[in-house]
Amino acid sequence: MSSTLTYVQFHAIYVVPVLAALTATVHHRRNSVDWRVSGVGLAIVTALAVLYTLPWDGLLIEIGVWWYGADTVAGRLWGVPYEEIAFFVLQPVLTTLWAVHVVGPVVESVEHSRRDRVAGAAAGVAVSLVGIAFLTAESTLYLGAILAWSGPVLALQWGFGWRYLWRTRGEVAVAVLVPTVYLWLVDRLAIQAGVWVISKRYTTGLAVAGLPVEEMLFFLVTNCFVVQAVVLFRWVVHRWR
């Protein structure tokens, strides 16, 4: 399939300018944000995003869950386009910068019991189990792969601090949903331009305004990963201090 846009051009048009704008406007939080904590948190989240996503992404590409338009990528590492690996870095940076704009000071006096931690971890495990069940059918393979892959991360985050996330749910929701909706929009534009193509064989066929629900779920859960990690990391460091 021919494309009117390359993956590099996609980043240049839709990702880099947003990063630049968020970087330019984040200065107003300089007195209310510990940049050392935020910087370390971002570095950890980004490194984990690359390490955890790269093999999963490569496997789904190999299966044929999605592929790329002719001449849209510059090269590949283990089957994954360089530009996609770059996106594993750019998305956490984008979402973290937005989160810094909207997340307030650390909330005091939030405690977690052992039962709370078990319940949070169990909820994440349940997500993975649902995903594994969906892997048994071709039409739900992509959906199942997202859920099975996201469950362990959610189990770790929810088990560690779901009560804190719930206490700050308003800020967390805004921090997650705004970049998610933006990435839904540009993902749809990229699919329309032929930068990447989502397989009909491995998807449910359900879509919103032409965007497969699997793609919507992917950006939602990955932005949850980032925001929850940043919020919980700030909370942990605050408690240690």
C-alpha atoms as a PDB file:
ATOM      1  CA  MET A   1       0.000   0.000   0.000  1.00  0.00           C
ATOM      2  CA  SER A   2       1.390   3.391  -0.988  1.00  0.00           C
ATOM      3  CA  SER A   3       1.558   6.135   1.617  1.00  0.00           C
ATOM      4  CA  THR A   4       1.337   9.907   1.440  1.00  0.00           C
ATOM      5  CA  LEU A   5       3.391  10.234   4.616  1.00  0.00           C
ATOM      6  CA  THR A   6       6.517   8.584   6.037  1.00  0.00           C
ATOM      7  CA  TYR A   7       6.908   7.608   9.673  1.00  0.00           C
ATOM      8  CA  VAL A   8       9.594  10.282  10.128  1.00  0.00           C
ATOM      9  CA  GLN A   9       7.251  12.903   8.678  1.00  0.00           C
ATOM     10  CA  PHE A  10       4.538  11.690  11.054  1.00  0.00           C
ATOM     11  CA  HIS A  11       6.816  12.423  14.009  1.00  0.00           C
ATOM     12  CA  ALA A  12       7.896  15.754  12.555  1.00  0.00           C
ATOM     13  CA  ILE A  13       4.329  16.938  11.976  1.00  0.00           C
ATOM     14  CA  TYR A  14       2.337  15.452  14.840  1.00  0.00           C
ATOM     15  CA  VAL A  15       4.706  14.591  17.694  1.00  0.00           C
ATOM     16  CA  VAL A  16       7.737  16.884  17.799  1.00  0.00           C
ATOM     17  CA  PRO A  17       5.776  20.189  17.646  1.00  0.00           C
ATOM     18  CA  VAL A  18       3.587  19.076  20.572  1.00  0.00           C
ATOM     19  CA  LEU A  19       6.680  18.134  22.561  1.00  0.00           C
ATOM     20  CA  ALA A  20       8.184  21.522  21.796  1.00  0.00           C
ATOM     21  CA  ALA A  21       5.016  23.327  22.883  1.00  0.00           C
ATOM     22  CA  LEU A  22       4.765  21.380  26.136  1.00  0.00           C
ATOM     23  CA  THR A  23       8.441  21.989  26.864  1.00  0.00           C
ATOM     24  CA  ALA A  24       8.074  25.704  26.180  1.00  0.00           C
ATOM     25  CA  THR A  25       5.050  26.071  28.458  1.00  0.00           C
ATOM     26  CA  VAL A  26       6.143  23.889  31.353  1.00  0.00           C
ATOM     27  CA  HIS A  27       8.226  26.700  32.870  1.00  0.00           C
ATOM     28  CA  HIS A  28       5.201  27.944  34.830  1.00  0.00           C
ATOM     29  CA  ARG A  29       5.465  24.847  37.025  1.00  0.00           C
ATOM     30  CA  ARG A  30       9.113  25.426  37.934  1.00  0.00           C
ATOM     31  CA  ASN A  31       8.320  26.396  41.533  1.00  0.00           C
ATOM     32  CA  SER A  32       5.844  23.572  42.185  1.00  0.00           C
ATOM     33  CA  VAL A  33       7.610  20.623  40.538  1.00  0.00           C
ATOM     34  CA  ASP A  34      10.732  18.822  41.729  1.00  0.00           C
ATOM     35  CA  TRP A  35      12.457  18.478  38.382  1.00  0.00           C
ATOM     36  CA  ARG A  36      15.036  16.030  39.684  1.00  0.00           C
ATOM     37  CA  VAL A  37      12.279  13.655  40.767  1.00  0.00           C
ATOM     38  CA  SER A  38      10.311  14.189  37.558  1.00  0.00           C
ATOM     39  CA  GLY A  39      13.431  13.727  35.447  1.00  0.00           C
ATOM     40  CA  VAL A  40      14.435  10.490  37.154  1.00  0.00           C
ATOM     41  CA  GLY A  41      10.849   9.233  36.948  1.00  0.00           C
ATOM     42  CA  LEU A  42      10.705  10.015  33.227  1.00  0.00           C
ATOM     43  CA  ALA A  43      14.021   8.271  32.583  1.00  0.00           C
ATOM     44  CA  ILE A  44      12.854   5.135  34.393  1.00  0.00           C
ATOM     45  CA  VAL A  45       9.468   5.089  32.665  1.00  0.00           C
ATOM     46  CA  THR A  46      11.013   5.603  29.228  1.00  0.00           C
ATOM     47  CA  ALA A  47      13.628   2.881  29.688  1.00  0.00           C
ATOM     48  CA  LEU A  48      11.005   0.416  30.884  1.00  0.00           C
ATOM     49  CA  ALA A  49       8.677   1.397  28.010  1.00  0.00           C
ATOM     50  CA  VAL A  50      11.338   0.550  25.431  1.00  0.00           C
ATOM     51  CA  LEU A  51      12.441  -2.692  27.083  1.00  0.00           C
ATOM     52  CA  TYR A  52       8.917  -3.959  27.744  1.00  0.00           C
ATOM     53  CA  THR A  53       7.313  -2.898  24.467  1.00  0.00           C
ATOM     54  CA  LEU A  54      10.016  -3.761  21.929  1.00  0.00           C
ATOM     55  CA  PRO A  55       9.704  -7.598  21.992  1.00  0.00           C
ATOM     56  CA  TRP A  56       5.888  -7.439  22.187  1.00  0.00           C
ATOM     57  CA  ASP A  57       5.733  -5.021  19.277  1.00  0.00           C
ATOM     58  CA  GLY A  58       8.138  -7.090  17.205  1.00  0.00           C
ATOM     59  CA  LEU A  59       6.115 -10.265  17.773  1.00  0.00           C
ATOM     60  CA  LEU A  60       2.848  -8.663  16.647  1.00  0.00           C
ATOM     61  CA  ILE A  61       4.524  -7.235  13.557  1.00  0.00           C
ATOM     62  CA  GLU A  62       5.914 -10.694  12.746  1.00  0.00           C
ATOM     63  CA  ILE A  63       2.449 -12.247  13.141  1.00  0.00           C
ATOM     64  CA  GLY A  64       0.976  -9.597  10.826  1.00  0.00           C
ATOM     65  CA  VAL A  65      -1.268  -7.730  13.247  1.00  0.00           C
ATOM     66  CA  TRP A  66      -0.122  -4.569  11.497  1.00  0.00           C
ATOM     67  CA  TRP A  67       2.385  -3.574   8.849  1.00  0.00           C
ATOM     68  CA  TYR A  68       3.725  -0.434   7.205  1.00  0.00           C
ATOM     69  CA  GLY A  69       3.189   1.294   3.910  1.00  0.00           C
ATOM     70  CA  ALA A  70       5.797   1.057   1.161  1.00  0.00           C
ATOM     71  CA  ASP A  71       8.873   3.222   1.866  1.00  0.00           C
ATOM     72  CA  THR A  72       7.396   4.663   5.065  1.00  0.00           C
ATOM     73  CA  VAL A  73      10.150   3.456   7.422  1.00  0.00           C
ATOM     74  CA  ALA A  74      13.900   4.042   7.287  1.00  0.00           C
ATOM     75  CA  GLY A  75      15.001   0.706   8.735  1.00  0.00           C
ATOM     76  CA  ARG A  76      14.317  -1.877  11.426  1.00  0.00           C
ATOM     77  CA  LEU A  77      15.778  -3.352  14.577  1.00  0.00           C
ATOM     78  CA  TRP A  78      14.566  -6.904  15.293  1.00  0.00           C
ATOM     79  CA  GLY A  79      11.705  -6.257  12.884  1.00  0.00           C
ATOM     80  CA  VAL A  80      10.585  -3.033  14.568  1.00  0.00           C
ATOM     81  CA  PRO A  81      10.998   0.239  12.616  1.00  0.00           C
ATOM     82  CA  TYR A  82      13.483   2.725  14.060  1.00  0.00           C
ATOM     83  CA  GLU A  83      10.716   5.315  14.054  1.00  0.00           C
ATOM     84  CA  GLU A  84       8.511   3.058  16.161  1.00  0.00           C
ATOM     85  CA  ILE A  85      11.294   2.593  18.701  1.00  0.00           C
ATOM     86  CA  ALA A  86      11.623   6.368  18.753  1.00  0.00           C
ATOM     87  CA  PHE A  87       7.906   6.559  19.508  1.00  0.00           C
ATOM     88  CA  PHE A  88       8.459   4.327  22.545  1.00  0.00           C
ATOM     89  CA  VAL A  89      10.536   7.258  23.839  1.00  0.00           C
ATOM     90  CA  LEU A  90       8.542  10.184  22.466  1.00  0.00           C
ATOM     91  CA  GLN A  91       5.154   9.101  23.839  1.00  0.00           C
ATOM     92  CA  PRO A  92       6.302   8.820  27.480  1.00  0.00           C
ATOM     93  CA  VAL A  93       8.029  12.197  27.200  1.00  0.00           C
ATOM     94  CA  LEU A  94       4.936  13.802  25.695  1.00  0.00           C
ATOM     95  CA  THR A  95       2.578  12.318  28.264  1.00  0.00           C
ATOM     96  CA  THR A  96       4.887  13.083  31.189  1.00  0.00           C
ATOM     97  CA  LEU A  97       5.272  16.715  30.133  1.00  0.00           C
ATOM     98  CA  TRP A  98       1.507  17.037  29.937  1.00  0.00           C
ATOM     99  CA  ALA A  99       1.112  15.345  33.321  1.00  0.00           C
ATOM    100  CA  VAL A 100       3.510  17.861  34.860  1.00  0.00           C
ATOM    101  CA  HIS A 101       1.168  20.610  33.638  1.00  0.00           C
ATOM    102  CA  VAL A 102      -1.920  19.177  35.342  1.00  0.00           C
ATOM    103  CA  VAL A 103      -0.876  17.029  38.316  1.00  0.00           C
ATOM    104  CA  GLY A 104      -0.837  18.941  41.589  1.00  0.00           C
ATOM    105  CA  PRO A 105       1.215  18.526  44.781  1.00  0.00           C
ATOM    106  CA  VAL A 106       1.527  15.131  46.432  1.00  0.00           C
ATOM    107  CA  VAL A 107      -1.500  14.301  48.575  1.00  0.00           C
ATOM    108  CA  GLU A 108      -0.773  13.418  52.183  1.00  0.00           C
ATOM    109  CA  SER A 109      -2.210  10.698  54.427  1.00  0.00           C
ATOM    110  CA  VAL A 110      -3.012   8.006  51.875  1.00  0.00           C
ATOM    111  CA  GLU A 111      -2.299   4.537  53.216  1.00  0.00           C
ATOM    112  CA  HIS A 112      -2.513   1.060  51.681  1.00  0.00           C
ATOM    113  CA  SER A 113      -3.209  -2.084  53.628  1.00  0.00           C
ATOM    114  CA  ARG A 114      -1.976  -5.507  52.607  1.00  0.00           C
ATOM    115  CA  ARG A 115      -5.512  -6.308  51.492  1.00  0.00           C
ATOM    116  CA  ASP A 116      -5.503  -3.204  49.288  1.00  0.00           C
ATOM    117  CA  ARG A 117      -2.283  -4.298  47.623  1.00  0.00           C
ATOM    118  CA  VAL A 118      -3.570  -7.806  46.993  1.00  0.00           C
ATOM    119  CA  ALA A 119      -6.813  -6.443  45.540  1.00  0.00           C
ATOM    120  CA  GLY A 120      -4.974  -4.060  43.215  1.00  0.00           C
ATOM    121  CA  ALA A 121      -2.605  -6.754  41.996  1.00  0.00           C
ATOM    122  CA  ALA A 122      -5.498  -9.164  41.499  1.00  0.00           C
ATOM    123  CA  ALA A 123      -7.295  -6.622  39.312  1.00  0.00           C
ATOM    124  CA  GLY A 124      -4.239  -6.374  37.065  1.00  0.00           C
ATOM    125  CA  VAL A 125      -3.948 -10.149  36.880  1.00  0.00           C
ATOM    126  CA  ALA A 126      -7.620 -10.311  35.897  1.00  0.00           C
ATOM    127  CA  VAL A 127      -6.905  -7.991  32.971  1.00  0.00           C
ATOM    128  CA  SER A 128      -4.196 -10.374  31.765  1.00  0.00           C
ATOM    129  CA  LEU A 129      -6.453 -13.410  32.148  1.00  0.00           C
ATOM    130  CA  VAL A 130      -9.136 -11.773  30.008  1.00  0.00           C
ATOM    131  CA  GLY A 131      -6.471 -10.992  27.442  1.00  0.00           C
ATOM    132  CA  ILE A 132      -5.217 -14.570  27.401  1.00  0.00           C
ATOM    133  CA  ALA A 133      -8.779 -15.777  26.803  1.00  0.00           C
ATOM    134  CA  PHE A 134      -9.094 -13.413  23.827  1.00  0.00           C
ATOM    135  CA  LEU A 135      -5.868 -14.768  22.313  1.00  0.00           C
ATOM    136  CA  THR A 136      -7.678 -17.989  21.423  1.00  0.00           C
ATOM    137  CA  ALA A 137      -9.565 -16.377  18.513  1.00  0.00           C
ATOM    138  CA  GLU A 138      -8.028 -14.654  15.497  1.00  0.00           C
ATOM    139  CA  SER A 139     -10.480 -11.757  15.519  1.00  0.00           C
ATOM    140  CA  THR A 140      -9.601 -10.837  19.108  1.00  0.00           C
ATOM    141  CA  LEU A 141      -5.882 -11.560  18.941  1.00  0.00           C
ATOM    142  CA  TYR A 142      -4.791  -7.898  18.919  1.00  0.00           C
ATOM    143  CA  LEU A 143      -7.241  -7.030  21.693  1.00  0.00           C
ATOM    144  CA  GLY A 144      -6.076 -10.006  23.736  1.00  0.00           C
ATOM    145  CA  ALA A 145      -2.417  -9.188  23.157  1.00  0.00           C
ATOM    146  CA  ILE A 146      -2.914  -5.668  24.524  1.00  0.00           C
ATOM    147  CA  LEU A 147      -4.743  -6.863  27.630  1.00  0.00           C
ATOM    148  CA  ALA A 148      -2.400  -9.789  28.354  1.00  0.00           C
ATOM    149  CA  TRP A 149       0.634  -7.500  27.923  1.00  0.00           C
ATOM    150  CA  SER A 150      -0.771  -4.635  29.986  1.00  0.00           C
ATOM    151  CA  GLY A 151      -2.000  -6.736  32.913  1.00  0.00           C
ATOM    152  CA  PRO A 152       1.387  -7.255  34.636  1.00  0.00           C
ATOM    153  CA  VAL A 153       2.148  -3.524  34.565  1.00  0.00           C
ATOM    154  CA  LEU A 154      -1.290  -2.634  35.872  1.00  0.00           C
ATOM    155  CA  ALA A 155      -1.002  -5.312  38.577  1.00  0.00           C
ATOM    156  CA  LEU A 156       2.268  -3.775  39.746  1.00  0.00           C
ATOM    157  CA  GLN A 157       0.967  -0.197  39.721  1.00  0.00           C
ATOM    158  CA  TRP A 158      -2.465  -0.922  41.183  1.00  0.00           C
ATOM    159  CA  GLY A 159      -1.046  -3.300  43.757  1.00  0.00           C
ATOM    160  CA  PHE A 160       1.407  -0.674  44.856  1.00  0.00           C
ATOM    161  CA  GLY A 161      -0.854   2.346  44.986  1.00  0.00           C
ATOM    162  CA  TRP A 162      -4.372   2.127  43.609  1.00  0.00           C
ATOM    163  CA  ARG A 163      -5.759   3.994  46.594  1.00  0.00           C
ATOM    164  CA  TYR A 164      -3.453   6.927  45.905  1.00  0.00           C
ATOM    165  CA  LEU A 165      -4.384   6.872  42.228  1.00  0.00           C
ATOM    166  CA  TRP A 166      -8.051   6.847  43.202  1.00  0.00           C
ATOM    167  CA  ARG A 167      -7.512   9.742  45.623  1.00  0.00           C
ATOM    168  CA  THR A 168      -5.987  11.792  42.791  1.00  0.00           C
ATOM    169  CA  ARG A 169      -8.292  10.358  40.119  1.00  0.00           C
ATOM    170  CA  GLY A 170      -9.375  13.735  38.719  1.00  0.00           C
ATOM    171  CA  GLU A 171      -5.835  14.826  37.933  1.00  0.00           C
ATOM    172  CA  VAL A 172      -4.873  11.347  36.746  1.00  0.00           C
ATOM    173  CA  ALA A 173      -7.871  11.232  34.388  1.00  0.00           C
ATOM    174  CA  VAL A 174      -7.002  14.581  32.798  1.00  0.00           C
ATOM    175  CA  ALA A 175      -3.333  13.612  32.544  1.00  0.00           C
ATOM    176  CA  VAL A 176      -4.266  10.367  30.769  1.00  0.00           C
ATOM    177  CA  LEU A 177      -7.197  11.365  28.579  1.00  0.00           C
ATOM    178  CA  VAL A 178      -5.902  14.527  26.902  1.00  0.00           C
ATOM    179  CA  PRO A 179      -2.793  12.947  25.299  1.00  0.00           C
ATOM    180  CA  THR A 180      -4.786   9.779  24.630  1.00  0.00           C
ATOM    181  CA  VAL A 181      -7.439  11.604  22.626  1.00  0.00           C
ATOM    182  CA  TYR A 182      -4.728  13.490  20.731  1.00  0.00           C
ATOM    183  CA  LEU A 183      -2.908  10.250  19.880  1.00  0.00           C
ATOM    184  CA  TRP A 184      -6.201   8.671  18.793  1.00  0.00           C
ATOM    185  CA  LEU A 185      -6.624  11.530  16.336  1.00  0.00           C
ATOM    186  CA  VAL A 186      -3.122  11.382  14.867  1.00  0.00           C
ATOM    187  CA  ASP A 187      -3.204   7.574  14.779  1.00  0.00           C
ATOM    188  CA  ARG A 188      -6.337   7.785  12.658  1.00  0.00           C
ATOM    189  CA  LEU A 189      -4.610  10.260  10.355  1.00  0.00           C
ATOM    190  CA  ALA A 190      -1.583   7.976  10.039  1.00  0.00           C
ATOM    191  CA  ILE A 191      -3.775   4.994   9.172  1.00  0.00           C
ATOM    192  CA  GLN A 192      -5.628   7.098   6.613  1.00  0.00           C
ATOM    193  CA  ALA A 193      -2.302   8.202   5.109  1.00  0.00           C
ATOM    194  CA  GLY A 194      -1.100   4.587   4.914  1.00  0.00           C
ATOM    195  CA  VAL A 195       1.857   4.950   7.297  1.00  0.00           C
ATOM    196  CA  TRP A 196       0.698   1.741   8.964  1.00  0.00           C
ATOM    197  CA  VAL A 197      -2.114  -0.698   8.240  1.00  0.00           C
ATOM    198  CA  ILE A 198      -4.073  -2.611  10.890  1.00  0.00           C
ATOM    199  CA  SER A 199      -4.984  -6.186   9.974  1.00  0.00           C
ATOM    200  CA  LYS A 200      -8.673  -6.984   9.637  1.00  0.00           C
ATOM    201  CA  ARG A 201      -7.919 -10.643  10.280  1.00  0.00           C
ATOM    202  CA  TYR A 202      -6.648 -10.083  13.827  1.00  0.00           C
ATOM    203  CA  THR A 203      -9.037  -7.338  14.932  1.00  0.00           C
ATOM    204  CA  THR A 204     -12.696  -7.248  15.938  1.00  0.00           C
ATOM    205  CA  GLY A 205     -13.725  -4.843  13.177  1.00  0.00           C
ATOM    206  CA  LEU A 206     -15.117  -2.431  15.770  1.00  0.00           C
ATOM    207  CA  ALA A 207     -14.040   1.156  15.218  1.00  0.00           C
ATOM    208  CA  VAL A 208     -14.867   4.714  16.226  1.00  0.00           C
ATOM    209  CA  ALA A 209     -14.654   7.227  13.378  1.00  0.00           C
ATOM    210  CA  GLY A 210     -12.505   4.735  11.483  1.00  0.00           C
ATOM    211  CA  LEU A 211     -10.083   4.081  14.343  1.00  0.00           C
ATOM    212  CA  PRO A 212      -9.992   0.421  15.491  1.00  0.00           C
ATOM    213  CA  VAL A 213     -10.933  -0.013  19.140  1.00  0.00           C
ATOM    214  CA  GLU A 214      -7.718  -1.969  19.627  1.00  0.00           C
ATOM    215  CA  GLU A 215      -5.658   1.091  18.723  1.00  0.00           C
ATOM    216  CA  MET A 216      -7.784   3.177  21.084  1.00  0.00           C
ATOM    217  CA  LEU A 217      -7.180   0.703  23.896  1.00  0.00           C
ATOM    218  CA  PHE A 218      -3.441   0.619  23.216  1.00  0.00           C
ATOM    219  CA  PHE A 219      -2.987   4.355  23.630  1.00  0.00           C
ATOM    220  CA  LEU A 220      -5.269   4.437  26.646  1.00  0.00           C
ATOM    221  CA  VAL A 221      -3.389   1.740  28.556  1.00  0.00           C
ATOM    222  CA  THR A 222       0.077   3.009  27.607  1.00  0.00           C
ATOM    223  CA  ASN A 223      -0.764   6.507  28.772  1.00  0.00           C
ATOM    224  CA  CYS A 224      -2.155   4.984  31.982  1.00  0.00           C
ATOM    225  CA  PHE A 225       1.209   3.257  32.428  1.00  0.00           C
ATOM    226  CA  VAL A 226       3.074   6.545  32.074  1.00  0.00           C
ATOM    227  CA  VAL A 227       0.837   8.768  34.191  1.00  0.00           C
ATOM    228  CA  GLN A 228       0.368   6.224  36.964  1.00  0.00           C
ATOM    229  CA  ALA A 229       4.107   5.596  37.100  1.00  0.00           C
ATOM    230  CA  VAL A 230       4.935   9.300  37.317  1.00  0.00           C
ATOM    231  CA  VAL A 231       2.262   9.985  39.953  1.00  0.00           C
ATOM    232  CA  LEU A 232       3.234   6.999  42.093  1.00  0.00           C
ATOM    233  CA  PHE A 233       6.956   7.722  41.786  1.00  0.00           C
ATOM    234  CA  ARG A 234       6.453  11.296  43.035  1.00  0.00           C
ATOM    235  CA  TRP A 235       4.356   9.950  45.910  1.00  0.00           C
ATOM    236  CA  VAL A 236       6.974   7.365  46.907  1.00  0.00           C
ATOM    237  CA  VAL A 237       9.826   9.878  46.857  1.00  0.00           C
ATOM    238  CA  HIS A 238       7.751  12.322  48.908  1.00  0.00           C
ATOM    239  CA  ARG A 239       7.080   9.634  51.524  1.00  0.00           C
ATOM    240  CA  TRP A 240      10.752   8.670  51.708  1.00  0.00           C
ATOM    241  CA  ARG A 241      11.692  12.269  52.333  1.00  0.00           C
END
